[in-house]
Protein backbone atom coordinates (compact mmCIF):
# COMPACT_ATOMS: atom_id res chain seq x y z
CA MET A 1 39.07 3.30 -3.75
CA GLY A 2 39.88 4.90 -0.39
CA SER A 3 38.13 4.66 2.92
CA GLN A 4 34.34 4.67 2.85
CA ILE A 5 31.67 5.08 5.49
CA TYR A 6 29.06 2.51 6.39
CA ALA A 7 26.20 2.61 8.87
CA ILE A 8 24.27 -0.05 10.73
CA ALA A 9 20.83 1.25 11.69
CA GLN A 10 18.87 -0.34 14.51
CA ILE A 11 15.26 -0.10 13.38
CA GLY A 12 12.80 1.09 16.00
CA GLN A 13 15.55 2.23 18.36
CA CYS A 14 16.66 5.44 16.57
CA LYS A 15 20.25 4.19 16.74
CA LEU A 16 22.74 4.49 13.91
CA TYR A 17 26.23 3.00 14.28
CA VAL A 18 28.65 4.58 11.80
CA GLY A 19 32.18 3.47 10.98
CA PRO A 20 34.88 3.56 8.31
CA ALA A 21 36.00 0.70 6.07
CA HIS A 22 38.53 0.40 3.28
CA GLN A 23 37.14 -1.34 0.18
CA LEU A 24 33.64 -1.44 1.62
CA ARG A 25 32.17 -3.77 -0.99
CA GLN A 26 34.70 -6.45 -0.09
CA ARG A 27 34.43 -5.77 3.67
CA TRP A 28 30.64 -6.16 4.01
CA PRO A 29 30.70 -9.96 4.16
CA GLY A 30 33.40 -9.80 6.85
CA ILE A 31 31.48 -7.22 8.91
CA LEU A 32 28.34 -9.35 8.80
CA ALA A 33 30.32 -12.48 9.64
CA GLN A 34 31.86 -10.74 12.67
CA LEU A 35 28.42 -9.71 13.91
CA ASN A 36 26.97 -13.17 13.35
CA GLN A 37 29.91 -14.88 15.07
CA GLY A 38 29.98 -12.48 18.03
CA LEU A 39 33.35 -11.03 17.02
CA TYR A 40 32.49 -7.44 16.09
CA PRO A 41 35.14 -5.16 17.69
CA HIS A 42 32.66 -2.80 19.40
CA PRO A 43 30.99 -4.59 22.35
CA PHE A 44 27.92 -2.34 22.52
CA VAL A 45 27.05 -2.84 18.84
CA GLN A 46 27.72 -6.56 19.19
CA SER A 47 25.44 -6.84 22.22
CA GLN A 48 22.62 -5.02 20.42
CA TRP A 49 23.06 -7.35 17.44
CA GLN A 50 22.91 -10.41 19.68
CA GLN A 51 19.83 -9.14 21.55
CA ALA A 52 18.01 -8.87 18.21
CA GLU A 53 18.76 -12.57 17.61
CA GLY A 54 17.07 -13.62 14.42
CA THR A 55 14.76 -10.64 14.08
CA ARG A 56 15.22 -8.13 11.29
CA THR A 57 15.86 -5.02 13.37
CA PHE A 58 18.97 -3.75 11.56
CA SER A 59 19.53 -2.23 8.14
CA PHE A 60 22.80 -1.37 6.42
CA HIS A 61 23.70 1.82 4.54
CA THR A 62 26.57 3.51 2.73
CA ALA A 63 27.55 7.16 3.08
CA ALA A 64 25.88 7.94 -0.26
CA GLU A 65 22.58 6.72 1.16
CA LEU A 66 23.02 8.95 4.23
CA GLU A 67 23.92 12.18 2.42
CA ASP A 68 20.64 13.84 3.39
CA ALA A 69 20.73 12.56 6.99
CA TYR A 70 21.51 14.96 9.79
CA ASP A 71 22.72 14.56 13.38
CA VAL A 72 24.73 11.45 12.51
CA LEU A 73 27.39 10.69 15.13
CA ASN A 74 30.45 8.61 14.42
CA LEU A 75 30.65 5.43 16.45
CA GLU A 76 33.08 6.81 19.03
CA GLU A 77 30.92 9.93 19.62
CA PHE A 78 27.83 7.73 19.94
CA LEU A 79 29.49 5.38 22.43
CA MET A 80 30.74 8.33 24.51
CA GLU A 81 27.25 9.87 24.48
CA ILE A 82 25.65 6.73 25.87
CA GLY A 83 28.49 6.10 28.33
CA GLN A 84 29.86 2.96 26.67
CA LEU A 85 33.32 4.38 25.85
């Protein structure tokens, strides 16, 4: 399977971080491990994850789950919009 899209939604903040991943099913554990270990490659997303510390304020979605969503920015567009890139 080719590249897929995943999203990390920050509940209550109206923030949706979207990125690509090859073999998404196999990558999920690695993405979560990076976030939990403070090693996620995007500092803004990582800092938001760390600020949530132990609270369930994030949810995870695939592109299929977001098909009906609108106004979804890719991660780079989002970071540019908020001045973090």
